Every structure is written in structure tokens, then in C-alpha cells.
C-alpha atoms as a PDB file:
ATOM      1  CA  UNK A   1      19.788  22.768  22.803  1.00  0.00           C
ATOM      2  CA  UNK A   2      18.871  19.213  20.915  1.00  0.00           C
ATOM      3  CA  UNK A   3      18.313  19.554  17.166  1.00  0.00           C
ATOM      4  CA  UNK A   4      15.953  16.703  15.626  1.00  0.00           C
ATOM      5  CA  UNK A   5      17.344  17.367  12.179  1.00  0.00           C
ATOM      6  CA  UNK A   6      20.889  16.659  12.701  1.00  0.00           C
ATOM      7  CA  UNK A   7      22.472  14.440  15.198  1.00  0.00           C
ATOM      8  CA  UNK A   8      25.406  15.911  17.126  1.00  0.00           C
ATOM      9  CA  UNK A   9      27.151  12.760  17.411  1.00  0.00           C
ATOM     10  CA  UNK A  10      27.792  12.145  13.774  1.00  0.00           C
ATOM     11  CA  UNK A  11      29.122  15.855  13.406  1.00  0.00           C
ATOM     12  CA  UNK A  12      31.496  15.204  16.654  1.00  0.00           C
ATOM     13  CA  UNK A  13      32.335  11.580  14.780  1.00  0.00           C
ATOM     14  CA  UNK A  14      33.089  13.725  11.685  1.00  0.00           C
ATOM     15  CA  UNK A  15      35.089  16.050  13.531  1.00  0.00           C
ATOM     16  CA  UNK A  16      37.331  13.869  15.026  1.00  0.00           C
ATOM     17  CA  UNK A  17      37.709  11.616  11.648  1.00  0.00           C
ATOM     18  CA  UNK A  18      38.934  14.857  10.021  1.00  0.00           C
ATOM     19  CA  UNK A  19      41.532  15.746  13.037  1.00  0.00           C
ATOM     20  CA  UNK A  20      39.463  17.834  15.344  1.00  0.00           C
ATOM     21  CA  UNK A  21      40.134  21.259  13.210  1.00  0.00           C
ATOM     22  CA  UNK A  22      37.351  22.905  13.085  1.00  0.00           C
ATOM     23  CA  UNK A  23      37.899  24.906   9.934  1.00  0.00           C
ATOM     24  CA  UNK A  24      38.099  21.919   8.190  1.00  0.00           C
ATOM     25  CA  UNK A  25      34.810  20.512   9.777  1.00  0.00           C
ATOM     26  CA  UNK A  26      33.742  24.124   8.158  1.00  0.00           C
ATOM     27  CA  UNK A  27      35.171  23.759   4.774  1.00  0.00           C
ATOM     28  CA  UNK A  28      33.404  20.002   4.548  1.00  0.00           C
ATOM     29  CA  UNK A  29      30.259  22.096   5.637  1.00  0.00           C
ATOM     30  CA  UNK A  30      30.506  24.537   2.820  1.00  0.00           C
ATOM     31  CA  UNK A  31      31.199  21.705   0.505  1.00  0.00           C
ATOM     32  CA  UNK A  32      27.958  19.911   1.541  1.00  0.00           C
ATOM     33  CA  UNK A  33      25.714  22.808   1.577  1.00  0.00           C
ATOM     34  CA  UNK A  34      27.007  23.432  -2.444  1.00  0.00           C
ATOM     35  CA  UNK A  35      26.919  19.837  -3.421  1.00  0.00           C
ATOM     36  CA  UNK A  36      23.970  18.997  -1.885  1.00  0.00           C
ATOM     37  CA  UNK A  37      21.408  20.825  -4.174  1.00  0.00           C
ATOM     38  CA  UNK A  38      23.742  20.279  -7.094  1.00  0.00           C
ATOM     39  CA  UNK A  39      22.698  16.259  -6.173  1.00  0.00           C
ATOM     40  CA  UNK A  40      19.347  17.169  -5.780  1.00  0.00           C
ATOM     41  CA  UNK A  41      19.120  18.679  -8.991  1.00  0.00           C
ATOM     42  CA  UNK A  42      20.563  16.063 -10.787  1.00  0.00           C
ATOM     43  CA  UNK A  43      17.998  13.341  -8.776  1.00  0.00           C
ATOM     44  CA  UNK A  44      15.282  15.904  -9.973  1.00  0.00           C
ATOM     45  CA  UNK A  45      16.507  15.639 -13.774  1.00  0.00           C
ATOM     46  CA  UNK A  46      16.588  12.080 -13.309  1.00  0.00           C
ATOM     47  CA  UNK A  47      13.410  11.386 -12.083  1.00  0.00           C
ATOM     48  CA  UNK A  48      11.683  13.722 -14.620  1.00  0.00           C
ATOM     49  CA  UNK A  49      13.613  11.693 -17.526  1.00  0.00           C
ATOM     50  CA  UNK A  50      12.672   8.164 -15.668  1.00  0.00           C
ATOM     51  CA  UNK A  51      16.530   7.479 -15.420  1.00  0.00           C
ATOM     52  CA  UNK A  52      16.433   4.939 -12.532  1.00  0.00           C
ATOM     53  CA  UNK A  53      19.963   4.293 -12.503  1.00  0.00           C
ATOM     54  CA  UNK A  54      21.262   7.991 -12.373  1.00  0.00           C
ATOM     55  CA  UNK A  55      18.386   8.894  -9.725  1.00  0.00           C
ATOM     56  CA  UNK A  56      19.767   5.778  -7.575  1.00  0.00           C
ATOM     57  CA  UNK A  57      23.129   6.618  -7.981  1.00  0.00           C
ATOM     58  CA  UNK A  58      22.450  10.397  -6.802  1.00  0.00           C
ATOM     59  CA  UNK A  59      20.608   9.291  -4.196  1.00  0.00           C
ATOM     60  CA  UNK A  60      23.174   7.040  -2.865  1.00  0.00           C
ATOM     61  CA  UNK A  61      25.711   9.957  -3.107  1.00  0.00           C
ATOM     62  CA  UNK A  62      23.738  11.973  -1.062  1.00  0.00           C
ATOM     63  CA  UNK A  63      22.814   9.458   1.900  1.00  0.00           C
ATOM     64  CA  UNK A  64      26.267   9.218   1.919  1.00  0.00           C
ATOM     65  CA  UNK A  65      26.792  12.748   2.789  1.00  0.00           C
ATOM     66  CA  UNK A  66      23.701  13.326   4.692  1.00  0.00           C
ATOM     67  CA  UNK A  67      25.049  10.595   6.971  1.00  0.00           C
ATOM     68  CA  UNK A  68      27.968  11.926   7.624  1.00  0.00           C
ATOM     69  CA  UNK A  69      26.821  15.051   9.013  1.00  0.00           C
ATOM     70  CA  UNK A  70      24.027  13.615  10.864  1.00  0.00           C
ATOM     71  CA  UNK A  71      20.709  14.539   8.732  1.00  0.00           C
ATOM     72  CA  UNK A  72      19.055  11.167   9.562  1.00  0.00           C
ATOM     73  CA  UNK A  73      15.576  11.926   7.980  1.00  0.00           C
ATOM     74  CA  UNK A  74      17.685  13.326   4.868  1.00  0.00           C
ATOM     75  CA  UNK A  75      19.695  10.008   4.515  1.00  0.00           C
ATOM     76  CA  UNK A  76      16.849   7.744   5.559  1.00  0.00           C
ATOM     77  CA  UNK A  77      14.566   9.395   2.845  1.00  0.00           C
ATOM     78  CA  UNK A  78      17.732   9.096  -0.124  1.00  0.00           C
ATOM     79  CA  UNK A  79      18.080   5.441   1.384  1.00  0.00           C
ATOM     80  CA  UNK A  80      14.268   4.788   0.179  1.00  0.00           C
ATOM     81  CA  UNK A  81      14.846   6.209  -2.679  1.00  0.00           C
ATOM     82  CA  UNK A  82      18.069   4.212  -3.883  1.00  0.00           C
ATOM     83  CA  UNK A  83      16.227   1.223  -3.350  1.00  0.00           C
ATOM     84  CA  UNK A  84      12.955   2.190  -4.616  1.00  0.00           C
ATOM     85  CA  UNK A  85      14.489   3.696  -7.986  1.00  0.00           C
ATOM     86  CA  UNK A  86      14.504  -0.189  -8.929  1.00  0.00           C
ATOM     87  CA  UNK A  87      11.016  -1.207  -8.680  1.00  0.00           C
ATOM     88  CA  UNK A  88       8.601   2.019  -7.892  1.00  0.00           C
ATOM     89  CA  UNK A  89       6.617   3.823 -10.256  1.00  0.00           C
ATOM     90  CA  UNK A  90       8.032   6.931 -11.710  1.00  0.00           C
ATOM     91  CA  UNK A  91       5.207   9.041  -9.759  1.00  0.00           C
ATOM     92  CA  UNK A  92       6.149   7.623  -6.870  1.00  0.00           C
ATOM     93  CA  UNK A  93      10.092   8.139  -6.929  1.00  0.00           C
ATOM     94  CA  UNK A  94       9.342  11.862  -8.311  1.00  0.00           C
ATOM     95  CA  UNK A  95       7.350  12.036  -4.936  1.00  0.00           C
ATOM     96  CA  UNK A  96      10.290  10.605  -3.024  1.00  0.00           C
ATOM     97  CA  UNK A  97      12.284  13.493  -4.351  1.00  0.00           C
ATOM     98  CA  UNK A  98      10.354  15.704  -3.305  1.00  0.00           C
ATOM     99  CA  UNK A  99      10.796  14.814   0.217  1.00  0.00           C
ATOM    100  CA  UNK A 100      14.485  14.458  -0.361  1.00  0.00           C
ATOM    101  CA  UNK A 101      14.214  18.320  -1.346  1.00  0.00           C
ATOM    102  CA  UNK A 102      12.509  19.422   1.764  1.00  0.00           C
ATOM    103  CA  UNK A 103      14.877  17.064   3.995  1.00  0.00           C
ATOM    104  CA  UNK A 104      17.616  18.520   2.319  1.00  0.00           C
ATOM    105  CA  UNK A 105      16.472  22.237   2.871  1.00  0.00           C
ATOM    106  CA  UNK A 106      15.747  21.418   6.647  1.00  0.00           C
ATOM    107  CA  UNK A 107      19.377  20.144   6.928  1.00  0.00           C
ATOM    108  CA  UNK A 108      21.561  22.829   5.256  1.00  0.00           C
ATOM    109  CA  UNK A 109      19.372  25.379   7.613  1.00  0.00           C
ATOM    110  CA  UNK A 110      20.000  23.457  10.729  1.00  0.00           C
ATOM    111  CA  UNK A 111      23.602  22.938   9.753  1.00  0.00           C
ATOM    112  CA  UNK A 112      23.874  26.601   8.705  1.00  0.00           C
ATOM    113  CA  UNK A 113      22.542  27.206  12.481  1.00  0.00           C
ATOM    114  CA  UNK A 114      24.901  24.975  14.137  1.00  0.00           C
ATOM    115  CA  UNK A 115      27.589  26.833  12.137  1.00  0.00           C
ATOM    116  CA  UNK A 116      26.759  30.231  13.199  1.00  0.00           C
ATOM    117  CA  UNK A 117      26.235  29.089  16.814  1.00  0.00           C
ATOM    118  CA  UNK A 118      29.792  27.222  17.154  1.00  0.00           C
ATOM    119  CA  UNK A 119      31.573  29.463  14.632  1.00  0.00           C
END
């Protein structure tokens, strides 16, 4: 079954990069599922405060992690926000953060399902 939220080839690359140990991948997954919401919270606070630099940095961080786990839509939303933080109106940035929240939820849910299936 193909999951449209997660690119399985990215998970295969990540697993290979960490030496092929599924337990290590599971630990990284746990870290992502813990840190992703924390980073999102930082982004939401930065958007409310109008702190474009903090928003850009948080979006960059979450983008990189999302790419590692194959969460393509999340990574794309973060990349757009990272660039938009420089010029977009604050309300538009807040809408982008809302989209990121939705995509993060979808990615974490899909990764949890994959972990259950593979575990």
C-alpha cells in the first residue's frame, strides 16, 4: 500500500544512513514525533509575535526533519514558509503555519501507522 503522505524511499534512505537498524529508526521517529510539535509551537508563537527570524529558523528546522522522514507535503509547506517569512504579510504567514500544523498531524499519523505495521 502506498502512502501519499510519506515517501517510503526517504525512509529507506534514512534507514540505510543510520546503518540499517530498525530500532534506531524507531528512536528517530519518536524524536520527530516529539520535536515536530515542539517546533510547530515555536512557529506559532513566532507568527503571533511577528518574529519573522524565529519563524524562518523554525520552518527551516522542521523542513529538514520532514524531508528526512519523507513527509513531502510538510517539507514543502515549511520551505514555502521559510522563504515567505522574509516578505509576506503576517496574516499570510499565520495561514502558512496553520497549513504546517495540518501537514505535521498528517505526517505523524502516517508515520505512526507505518511503525505499527512494520513493528
